């Protein structure tokens, strides 16, 4: 299967609007991914002040990792699936919020891979707010769990089995 970039983020992410933040998958390979989002006024993340809060950039980073994971699943002949954000380290934001119309470009580079879908990524986000020069917006290290195929189905089935009975 050949995957061409840029591509609609919907091809790589299982989230539907309004939960899907990324508009476009810019690139992805075996070690990294990048994506882009332009903030719209109707975004679920825009707060009562009309700003996109910087804390929401953690989800933008996580969805950029989702582009990476989605690519891997598509190449394996599987559908993209939701993963889990397990933790964030060294999160730094350049300002508290961003105006509608800001274009974010996020990058995620895999720095560690454990067993059974545990990954760590060094992530960064650049912002271009309307009428402003591009600038760094955020940086963080994210640890995620990308569950293997049918992981949750197997876990549900195991938890539904009755507990073994002691000997009589």
N, C-alpha and C. Protein backbone atom coordinates (compact mmCIF):
# COMPACT_ATOMS: atom_id res chain seq x y z
N UNK A 1 0.84 -1.17 0.00
CA UNK A 1 0.00 0.00 0.00
C UNK A 1 0.90 1.25 0.00
N UNK A 2 0.59 2.19 -0.86
CA UNK A 2 1.32 3.45 -0.90
C UNK A 2 0.48 4.53 -0.26
N UNK A 3 1.09 5.25 0.67
CA UNK A 3 0.40 6.36 1.34
C UNK A 3 1.06 7.66 0.91
N UNK A 4 0.27 8.54 0.34
CA UNK A 4 0.81 9.80 -0.16
C UNK A 4 0.49 10.93 0.82
N UNK A 5 1.44 11.82 1.00
CA UNK A 5 1.28 12.97 1.90
C UNK A 5 1.49 14.25 1.12
N UNK A 6 0.86 15.33 1.56
CA UNK A 6 -0.12 15.44 2.63
C UNK A 6 -1.42 14.73 2.27
N UNK A 7 -2.18 14.40 3.33
CA UNK A 7 -3.44 13.69 3.17
C UNK A 7 -4.40 14.15 4.26
N UNK A 8 -5.70 14.00 4.04
CA UNK A 8 -6.64 14.34 5.11
C UNK A 8 -6.34 13.51 6.36
N UNK A 9 -6.32 14.15 7.51
CA UNK A 9 -6.05 13.45 8.76
C UNK A 9 -7.07 12.35 9.01
N UNK A 10 -8.28 12.51 8.49
CA UNK A 10 -9.33 11.51 8.68
C UNK A 10 -8.91 10.13 8.17
N UNK A 11 -7.99 10.06 7.22
CA UNK A 11 -7.54 8.77 6.70
C UNK A 11 -6.72 7.99 7.73
N UNK A 12 -6.14 8.68 8.72
CA UNK A 12 -5.22 8.06 9.67
C UNK A 12 -5.77 7.99 11.09
N UNK A 13 -6.79 8.78 11.39
CA UNK A 13 -7.30 8.90 12.75
C UNK A 13 -8.71 8.34 12.86
N UNK A 14 -9.02 7.64 13.95
CA UNK A 14 -10.38 7.12 14.11
C UNK A 14 -11.35 8.17 14.65
N UNK A 15 -10.85 9.27 15.19
CA UNK A 15 -11.73 10.28 15.76
C UNK A 15 -12.55 10.97 14.66
N UNK A 16 -13.75 11.34 15.03
CA UNK A 16 -14.62 12.11 14.14
C UNK A 16 -14.71 13.53 14.70
N UNK A 17 -15.01 14.51 13.85
CA UNK A 17 -15.23 15.86 14.39
C UNK A 17 -16.38 15.81 15.39
N UNK A 18 -16.35 16.54 16.44
CA UNK A 18 -15.41 17.59 16.79
C UNK A 18 -14.19 17.10 17.56
N UNK A 19 -14.07 15.79 17.78
CA UNK A 19 -12.95 15.27 18.56
C UNK A 19 -11.66 15.17 17.75
N UNK A 20 -11.75 15.16 16.44
CA UNK A 20 -10.54 15.15 15.62
C UNK A 20 -10.09 16.59 15.46
N UNK A 21 -8.91 16.90 15.92
CA UNK A 21 -8.38 18.26 15.82
C UNK A 21 -7.60 18.47 14.52
N UNK A 22 -6.77 17.50 14.14
CA UNK A 22 -5.93 17.68 12.95
C UNK A 22 -6.76 17.73 11.68
N UNK A 23 -6.36 18.62 10.80
CA UNK A 23 -7.00 18.71 9.49
C UNK A 23 -6.26 17.86 8.47
N UNK A 24 -4.93 17.84 8.60
CA UNK A 24 -4.10 17.24 7.57
C UNK A 24 -2.94 16.47 8.18
N UNK A 25 -2.66 15.30 7.61
CA UNK A 25 -1.44 14.55 7.92
C UNK A 25 -0.40 15.01 6.90
N UNK A 26 0.67 15.60 7.39
CA UNK A 26 1.68 16.15 6.48
C UNK A 26 2.71 15.12 6.06
N UNK A 27 3.09 14.23 7.00
CA UNK A 27 4.12 13.23 6.72
C UNK A 27 4.08 12.17 7.81
N UNK A 28 4.57 10.98 7.48
CA UNK A 28 4.74 9.92 8.46
C UNK A 28 5.67 8.87 7.86
N UNK A 29 6.56 8.35 8.70
CA UNK A 29 7.41 7.24 8.30
C UNK A 29 7.58 6.33 9.51
N UNK A 30 8.61 5.50 9.51
CA UNK A 30 8.77 4.53 10.59
C UNK A 30 9.21 5.15 11.92
N UNK A 31 9.59 6.42 11.93
CA UNK A 31 10.09 7.04 13.16
C UNK A 31 9.40 8.33 13.56
N UNK A 32 8.60 8.93 12.68
CA UNK A 32 8.03 10.25 12.99
C UNK A 32 6.77 10.52 12.18
N UNK A 33 6.10 11.58 12.61
CA UNK A 33 4.90 12.02 11.88
C UNK A 33 4.73 13.52 12.10
N UNK A 34 3.99 14.15 11.22
CA UNK A 34 3.64 15.55 11.39
C UNK A 34 2.22 15.78 10.88
N UNK A 35 1.58 16.79 11.49
CA UNK A 35 0.21 17.10 11.12
C UNK A 35 -0.06 18.58 11.27
N UNK A 36 -1.20 19.01 10.77
CA UNK A 36 -1.51 20.43 10.79
C UNK A 36 -2.98 20.64 11.17
N UNK A 37 -3.21 21.74 11.87
CA UNK A 37 -4.53 22.15 12.32
C UNK A 37 -4.64 23.66 12.17
N UNK A 38 -5.74 24.12 11.62
CA UNK A 38 -6.08 25.54 11.65
C UNK A 38 -7.29 25.68 12.56
N UNK A 39 -7.15 26.53 13.59
CA UNK A 39 -8.20 26.68 14.60
C UNK A 39 -9.40 27.41 14.00
N UNK A 40 -10.56 26.77 14.14
CA UNK A 40 -11.82 27.37 13.70
C UNK A 40 -12.61 27.83 14.93
N UNK A 41 -13.47 28.78 14.75
CA UNK A 41 -14.27 29.33 15.86
C UNK A 41 -15.16 28.27 16.49
N UNK A 42 -15.58 27.26 15.71
CA UNK A 42 -16.47 26.23 16.25
C UNK A 42 -15.72 25.04 16.84
N UNK A 43 -14.41 25.16 16.99
CA UNK A 43 -13.63 24.06 17.57
C UNK A 43 -14.09 23.78 19.00
N UNK A 44 -14.17 22.51 19.33
CA UNK A 44 -14.58 22.10 20.67
C UNK A 44 -13.60 22.61 21.74
N UNK A 45 -12.38 22.91 21.36
CA UNK A 45 -11.37 23.35 22.32
C UNK A 45 -11.37 24.86 22.56
N UNK A 46 -11.97 25.63 21.67
CA UNK A 46 -11.98 27.08 21.86
C UNK A 46 -12.77 27.41 23.12
N UNK A 47 -12.15 28.18 24.01
CA UNK A 47 -12.78 28.46 25.31
C UNK A 47 -13.67 29.70 25.26
N UNK A 48 -14.21 30.07 26.42
CA UNK A 48 -15.16 31.18 26.50
C UNK A 48 -14.53 32.53 26.16
N UNK A 49 -13.21 32.62 26.18
CA UNK A 49 -12.53 33.87 25.80
C UNK A 49 -12.28 33.93 24.29
N UNK A 50 -12.62 32.85 23.58
CA UNK A 50 -12.40 32.81 22.13
C UNK A 50 -11.02 32.33 21.75
N UNK A 51 -10.27 31.79 22.72
CA UNK A 51 -8.92 31.30 22.44
C UNK A 51 -8.86 29.78 22.46
N UNK A 52 -7.92 29.25 21.72
CA UNK A 52 -7.59 27.83 21.74
C UNK A 52 -6.52 27.68 22.82
N UNK A 53 -6.84 27.05 23.98
CA UNK A 53 -5.88 26.99 25.07
C UNK A 53 -4.68 26.12 24.73
N UNK A 54 -3.52 26.56 25.17
CA UNK A 54 -2.29 25.81 24.88
C UNK A 54 -2.35 24.39 25.40
N UNK A 55 -3.03 24.14 26.51
CA UNK A 55 -3.13 22.77 27.03
C UNK A 55 -3.74 21.83 25.99
N UNK A 56 -4.60 22.34 25.10
CA UNK A 56 -5.20 21.52 24.05
C UNK A 56 -4.16 21.05 23.03
N UNK A 57 -2.99 21.70 23.04
CA UNK A 57 -1.93 21.27 22.12
C UNK A 57 -1.41 19.88 22.49
N UNK A 58 -1.64 19.43 23.72
CA UNK A 58 -1.29 18.06 24.08
C UNK A 58 -2.10 17.08 23.23
N UNK A 59 -3.38 17.39 23.00
CA UNK A 59 -4.20 16.53 22.14
C UNK A 59 -3.75 16.62 20.69
N UNK A 60 -3.33 17.79 20.25
CA UNK A 60 -2.80 17.93 18.90
C UNK A 60 -1.57 17.05 18.73
N UNK A 61 -0.69 17.06 19.75
CA UNK A 61 0.50 16.20 19.71
C UNK A 61 0.09 14.73 19.70
N UNK A 62 -0.85 14.36 20.56
CA UNK A 62 -1.31 12.97 20.63
C UNK A 62 -1.91 12.53 19.29
N UNK A 63 -2.67 13.40 18.64
CA UNK A 63 -3.25 13.04 17.35
C UNK A 63 -2.18 12.96 16.27
N UNK A 64 -1.11 13.71 16.42
CA UNK A 64 0.01 13.59 15.47
C UNK A 64 0.66 12.22 15.63
N UNK A 65 0.79 11.76 16.87
CA UNK A 65 1.25 10.38 17.09
C UNK A 65 0.24 9.42 16.49
N UNK A 66 -1.04 9.76 16.55
CA UNK A 66 -2.08 8.95 15.92
C UNK A 66 -1.89 8.80 14.42
N UNK A 67 -1.37 9.84 13.77
CA UNK A 67 -1.06 9.73 12.34
C UNK A 67 0.02 8.66 12.13
N UNK A 68 1.02 8.68 13.00
CA UNK A 68 2.08 7.66 12.95
C UNK A 68 1.47 6.27 13.12
N UNK A 69 0.66 6.10 14.17
CA UNK A 69 0.05 4.80 14.45
C UNK A 69 -0.92 4.39 13.34
N UNK A 70 -1.68 5.35 12.83
CA UNK A 70 -2.62 5.06 11.75
C UNK A 70 -1.91 4.57 10.51
N UNK A 71 -0.78 5.18 10.18
CA UNK A 71 0.02 4.74 9.04
C UNK A 71 0.45 3.29 9.23
N UNK A 72 0.94 2.98 10.44
CA UNK A 72 1.41 1.61 10.71
C UNK A 72 0.26 0.61 10.54
N UNK A 73 -0.92 0.96 11.06
CA UNK A 73 -2.07 0.06 10.97
C UNK A 73 -2.54 -0.09 9.52
N UNK A 74 -2.58 1.00 8.78
CA UNK A 74 -2.99 0.93 7.37
C UNK A 74 -2.04 0.05 6.57
N UNK A 75 -0.74 0.19 6.81
CA UNK A 75 0.24 -0.64 6.10
C UNK A 75 0.10 -2.11 6.46
N UNK A 76 -0.42 -2.40 7.67
CA UNK A 76 -0.65 -3.78 8.09
C UNK A 76 -2.02 -4.30 7.66
N UNK A 77 -2.76 -3.49 6.88
CA UNK A 77 -4.08 -3.90 6.41
C UNK A 77 -5.17 -3.77 7.46
N UNK A 78 -4.94 -2.95 8.49
CA UNK A 78 -5.91 -2.75 9.56
C UNK A 78 -6.45 -1.33 9.52
N UNK A 79 -7.56 -1.13 10.22
CA UNK A 79 -8.13 0.22 10.32
C UNK A 79 -7.44 0.98 11.44
N UNK A 80 -7.32 2.31 11.30
CA UNK A 80 -6.79 3.11 12.41
C UNK A 80 -7.66 2.91 13.66
N UNK A 81 -7.01 2.93 14.81
CA UNK A 81 -7.72 2.73 16.08
C UNK A 81 -7.22 3.76 17.08
N UNK A 82 -8.03 4.03 18.07
CA UNK A 82 -7.65 4.98 19.11
C UNK A 82 -6.59 4.38 20.02
N UNK A 83 -5.63 5.19 20.39
CA UNK A 83 -4.63 4.80 21.37
C UNK A 83 -4.90 5.55 22.66
N UNK A 84 -4.01 5.42 23.61
CA UNK A 84 -4.18 6.06 24.91
C UNK A 84 -2.96 6.91 25.24
N UNK A 85 -3.19 8.14 25.65
CA UNK A 85 -2.13 9.00 26.15
C UNK A 85 -1.91 8.63 27.61
N UNK A 86 -0.75 8.10 27.94
CA UNK A 86 -0.48 7.64 29.30
C UNK A 86 0.19 8.70 30.16
N UNK A 87 1.01 9.54 29.56
CA UNK A 87 1.69 10.53 30.38
C UNK A 87 2.38 11.58 29.54
N UNK A 88 2.70 12.67 30.20
CA UNK A 88 3.35 13.81 29.55
C UNK A 88 4.50 14.26 30.44
N UNK A 89 5.64 14.48 29.84
CA UNK A 89 6.80 14.97 30.57
C UNK A 89 7.31 16.25 29.92
N UNK A 90 7.79 17.10 30.73
CA UNK A 90 8.44 18.34 30.27
C UNK A 90 7.58 19.15 29.31
N UNK A 91 6.31 19.26 29.59
CA UNK A 91 5.43 20.06 28.73
C UNK A 91 5.72 21.54 28.96
N UNK A 92 5.98 22.25 27.88
CA UNK A 92 6.27 23.68 27.93
C UNK A 92 5.43 24.36 26.86
N UNK A 93 4.75 25.43 27.26
CA UNK A 93 3.90 26.20 26.33
C UNK A 93 4.39 27.64 26.30
N UNK A 94 4.38 28.25 25.12
CA UNK A 94 4.91 29.61 24.99
C UNK A 94 3.92 30.69 25.42
N UNK A 95 2.64 30.39 25.42
CA UNK A 95 1.61 31.33 25.88
C UNK A 95 0.36 30.56 26.27
N UNK A 96 -0.56 31.20 26.99
CA UNK A 96 -1.72 30.45 27.48
C UNK A 96 -2.75 30.07 26.41
N UNK A 97 -2.87 30.85 25.35
CA UNK A 97 -3.88 30.55 24.34
C UNK A 97 -3.58 31.20 23.01
N UNK A 98 -4.34 30.76 22.01
CA UNK A 98 -4.11 31.18 20.62
C UNK A 98 -5.43 31.58 19.98
N UNK A 99 -5.41 32.62 19.11
CA UNK A 99 -6.66 33.06 18.49
C UNK A 99 -7.14 32.13 17.38
N UNK A 100 -8.42 32.24 17.10
CA UNK A 100 -9.02 31.53 15.96
C UNK A 100 -8.23 31.94 14.70
N UNK A 101 -8.01 30.99 13.84
CA UNK A 101 -7.25 31.23 12.62
C UNK A 101 -5.79 30.84 12.74
N UNK A 102 -5.33 30.54 13.95
CA UNK A 102 -3.94 30.11 14.12
C UNK A 102 -3.75 28.76 13.45
N UNK A 103 -2.64 28.64 12.72
CA UNK A 103 -2.29 27.37 12.09
C UNK A 103 -1.16 26.73 12.91
N UNK A 104 -1.41 25.52 13.39
CA UNK A 104 -0.42 24.76 14.14
C UNK A 104 0.15 23.66 13.26
N UNK A 105 1.46 23.49 13.33
CA UNK A 105 2.12 22.36 12.69
C UNK A 105 2.81 21.58 13.79
N UNK A 106 2.42 20.32 13.95
CA UNK A 106 2.93 19.48 15.02
C UNK A 106 3.84 18.39 14.46
N UNK A 107 4.86 18.07 15.23
CA UNK A 107 5.83 17.03 14.86
C UNK A 107 5.99 16.07 16.04
N UNK A 108 6.06 14.79 15.75
CA UNK A 108 6.27 13.78 16.78
C UNK A 108 7.35 12.82 16.28
N UNK A 109 8.41 12.67 17.07
CA UNK A 109 9.51 11.77 16.73
C UNK A 109 9.62 10.69 17.81
N UNK A 110 9.55 9.43 17.39
CA UNK A 110 9.60 8.33 18.35
C UNK A 110 11.00 8.25 18.95
N UNK A 111 11.06 8.23 20.28
CA UNK A 111 12.34 8.15 20.98
C UNK A 111 12.52 6.83 21.71
N UNK A 112 11.43 6.08 21.90
CA UNK A 112 11.52 4.81 22.62
C UNK A 112 10.31 3.96 22.27
N UNK A 113 10.54 2.65 22.20
CA UNK A 113 9.44 1.71 21.96
C UNK A 113 9.61 0.55 22.91
N UNK A 114 8.55 0.25 23.65
CA UNK A 114 8.55 -0.89 24.57
C UNK A 114 7.78 -2.04 23.97
N UNK A 115 7.43 -2.96 24.83
CA UNK A 115 6.67 -4.13 24.39
C UNK A 115 5.19 -3.80 24.23
N UNK A 116 4.55 -4.49 23.32
CA UNK A 116 3.09 -4.43 23.14
C UNK A 116 2.51 -3.05 22.96
N UNK A 117 3.17 -2.20 22.19
CA UNK A 117 2.57 -0.91 21.82
C UNK A 117 2.83 0.26 22.73
N UNK A 118 3.77 0.15 23.65
CA UNK A 118 4.13 1.28 24.50
C UNK A 118 5.21 2.09 23.77
N UNK A 119 4.93 3.40 23.56
CA UNK A 119 5.84 4.26 22.81
C UNK A 119 6.06 5.57 23.55
N UNK A 120 7.20 6.21 23.27
CA UNK A 120 7.45 7.57 23.75
C UNK A 120 7.87 8.42 22.56
N UNK A 121 7.34 9.64 22.51
CA UNK A 121 7.62 10.56 21.41
C UNK A 121 8.04 11.92 21.94
N UNK A 122 9.02 12.52 21.29
CA UNK A 122 9.38 13.92 21.53
C UNK A 122 8.54 14.74 20.55
N UNK A 123 7.71 15.62 21.08
CA UNK A 123 6.76 16.36 20.24
C UNK A 123 7.02 17.86 20.32
N UNK A 124 6.74 18.53 19.22
CA UNK A 124 6.83 19.99 19.19
C UNK A 124 5.71 20.52 18.30
N UNK A 125 5.33 21.77 18.57
CA UNK A 125 4.28 22.42 17.79
C UNK A 125 4.74 23.84 17.48
N UNK A 126 4.65 24.22 16.22
CA UNK A 126 4.88 25.60 15.80
C UNK A 126 3.53 26.22 15.51
N UNK A 127 3.42 27.52 15.78
CA UNK A 127 2.17 28.24 15.55
C UNK A 127 2.40 29.42 14.64
N UNK A 128 1.41 29.68 13.81
CA UNK A 128 1.39 30.90 13.01
C UNK A 128 0.02 31.53 13.23
N UNK A 129 -0.01 32.48 14.17
CA UNK A 129 -1.25 33.19 14.47
C UNK A 129 -1.49 34.24 13.39
N UNK A 130 -2.76 34.59 13.14
CA UNK A 130 -3.05 35.59 12.12
C UNK A 130 -2.28 36.90 12.36
N UNK A 131 -1.57 37.35 11.34
CA UNK A 131 -0.83 38.60 11.41
C UNK A 131 0.46 38.53 12.21
N UNK A 132 0.88 37.35 12.62
CA UNK A 132 2.10 37.19 13.41
C UNK A 132 3.08 36.28 12.70
N UNK A 133 4.35 36.40 13.07
CA UNK A 133 5.38 35.52 12.52
C UNK A 133 5.25 34.14 13.17
N UNK A 134 5.64 33.09 12.46
CA UNK A 134 5.62 31.75 13.06
C UNK A 134 6.50 31.71 14.31
N UNK A 135 6.10 30.91 15.29
CA UNK A 135 6.87 30.79 16.53
C UNK A 135 6.64 29.42 17.17
N UNK A 136 7.59 28.97 17.99
CA UNK A 136 7.36 27.73 18.73
C UNK A 136 6.19 27.93 19.70
N UNK A 137 5.30 26.95 19.77
CA UNK A 137 4.12 27.05 20.63
C UNK A 137 4.19 26.10 21.82
N UNK A 138 4.74 24.90 21.59
CA UNK A 138 4.74 23.90 22.66
C UNK A 138 5.78 22.83 22.37
N UNK A 139 6.18 22.20 23.45
CA UNK A 139 7.08 21.05 23.36
C UNK A 139 6.75 20.13 24.53
N UNK A 140 6.76 18.82 24.30
CA UNK A 140 6.51 17.85 25.36
C UNK A 140 6.99 16.47 24.92
N UNK A 141 7.23 15.63 25.90
CA UNK A 141 7.49 14.22 25.66
C UNK A 141 6.23 13.48 26.07
N UNK A 142 5.66 12.72 25.16
CA UNK A 142 4.42 11.98 25.42
C UNK A 142 4.69 10.48 25.41
N UNK A 143 4.11 9.80 26.38
CA UNK A 143 4.13 8.34 26.42
C UNK A 143 2.72 7.88 26.07
N UNK A 144 2.64 6.97 25.10
CA UNK A 144 1.34 6.52 24.62
C UNK A 144 1.30 5.00 24.56
N UNK A 145 0.08 4.48 24.54
CA UNK A 145 -0.13 3.05 24.35
C UNK A 145 -0.95 2.88 23.09
N UNK A 146 -0.37 2.21 22.13
CA UNK A 146 -1.06 1.88 20.88
C UNK A 146 -1.40 0.40 20.96
N UNK A 147 -2.63 0.08 21.36
CA UNK A 147 -2.96 -1.32 21.62
C UNK A 147 -2.84 -2.20 20.39
N UNK A 148 -2.30 -3.41 20.57
CA UNK A 148 -2.28 -4.36 19.45
C UNK A 148 -3.70 -4.69 19.00
N UNK A 149 -3.83 -5.20 17.80
CA UNK A 149 -5.13 -5.56 17.23
C UNK A 149 -5.93 -6.41 18.21
N UNK A 150 -7.18 -6.05 18.44
CA UNK A 150 -8.12 -6.76 19.30
C UNK A 150 -7.71 -6.80 20.78
N UNK A 151 -6.80 -5.93 21.21
CA UNK A 151 -6.34 -5.92 22.60
C UNK A 151 -7.50 -5.76 23.58
N UNK A 152 -8.37 -4.79 23.34
CA UNK A 152 -9.46 -4.53 24.26
C UNK A 152 -10.51 -5.63 24.21
N UNK A 153 -10.72 -6.23 23.04
CA UNK A 153 -11.65 -7.35 22.95
C UNK A 153 -11.14 -8.53 23.78
N UNK A 154 -9.84 -8.81 23.69
CA UNK A 154 -9.25 -9.90 24.47
C UNK A 154 -9.33 -9.59 25.96
N UNK A 155 -9.05 -8.33 26.33
CA UNK A 155 -9.09 -7.94 27.75
C UNK A 155 -10.52 -8.06 28.29
N UNK A 156 -11.52 -7.63 27.49
CA UNK A 156 -12.92 -7.73 27.91
C UNK A 156 -13.32 -9.19 28.09
N UNK A 157 -12.91 -10.03 27.15
CA UNK A 157 -13.26 -11.45 27.23
C UNK A 157 -12.62 -12.08 28.47
N UNK A 158 -11.38 -11.71 28.76
CA UNK A 158 -10.71 -12.27 29.94
C UNK A 158 -11.39 -11.82 31.23
N UNK A 159 -11.84 -10.59 31.29
CA UNK A 159 -12.48 -10.10 32.51
C UNK A 159 -13.89 -10.66 32.67
N UNK A 160 -14.50 -11.13 31.59
CA UNK A 160 -15.86 -11.67 31.65
C UNK A 160 -15.88 -13.14 32.09
N UNK A 161 -14.72 -13.80 32.04
CA UNK A 161 -14.68 -15.20 32.46
C UNK A 161 -14.91 -15.29 33.96
N UNK A 162 -15.67 -16.28 34.39
CA UNK A 162 -15.89 -16.44 35.82
C UNK A 162 -14.59 -16.81 36.52
N UNK A 163 -14.45 -16.35 37.74
CA UNK A 163 -13.27 -16.67 38.52
C UNK A 163 -13.22 -18.17 38.76
N UNK A 164 -12.02 -18.73 38.74
CA UNK A 164 -11.92 -20.18 38.95
C UNK A 164 -12.31 -20.52 40.39
N UNK A 165 -12.93 -21.64 40.53
CA UNK A 165 -13.42 -22.07 41.84
C UNK A 165 -12.34 -22.91 42.50
N UNK A 166 -12.23 -22.78 43.81
CA UNK A 166 -11.26 -23.58 44.55
C UNK A 166 -11.65 -25.05 44.56
N UNK A 167 -10.72 -25.90 44.95
CA UNK A 167 -11.01 -27.33 45.01
C UNK A 167 -11.98 -27.63 46.13
N UNK A 168 -12.81 -28.66 45.94
CA UNK A 168 -13.73 -29.04 46.99
C UNK A 168 -13.28 -30.29 47.70
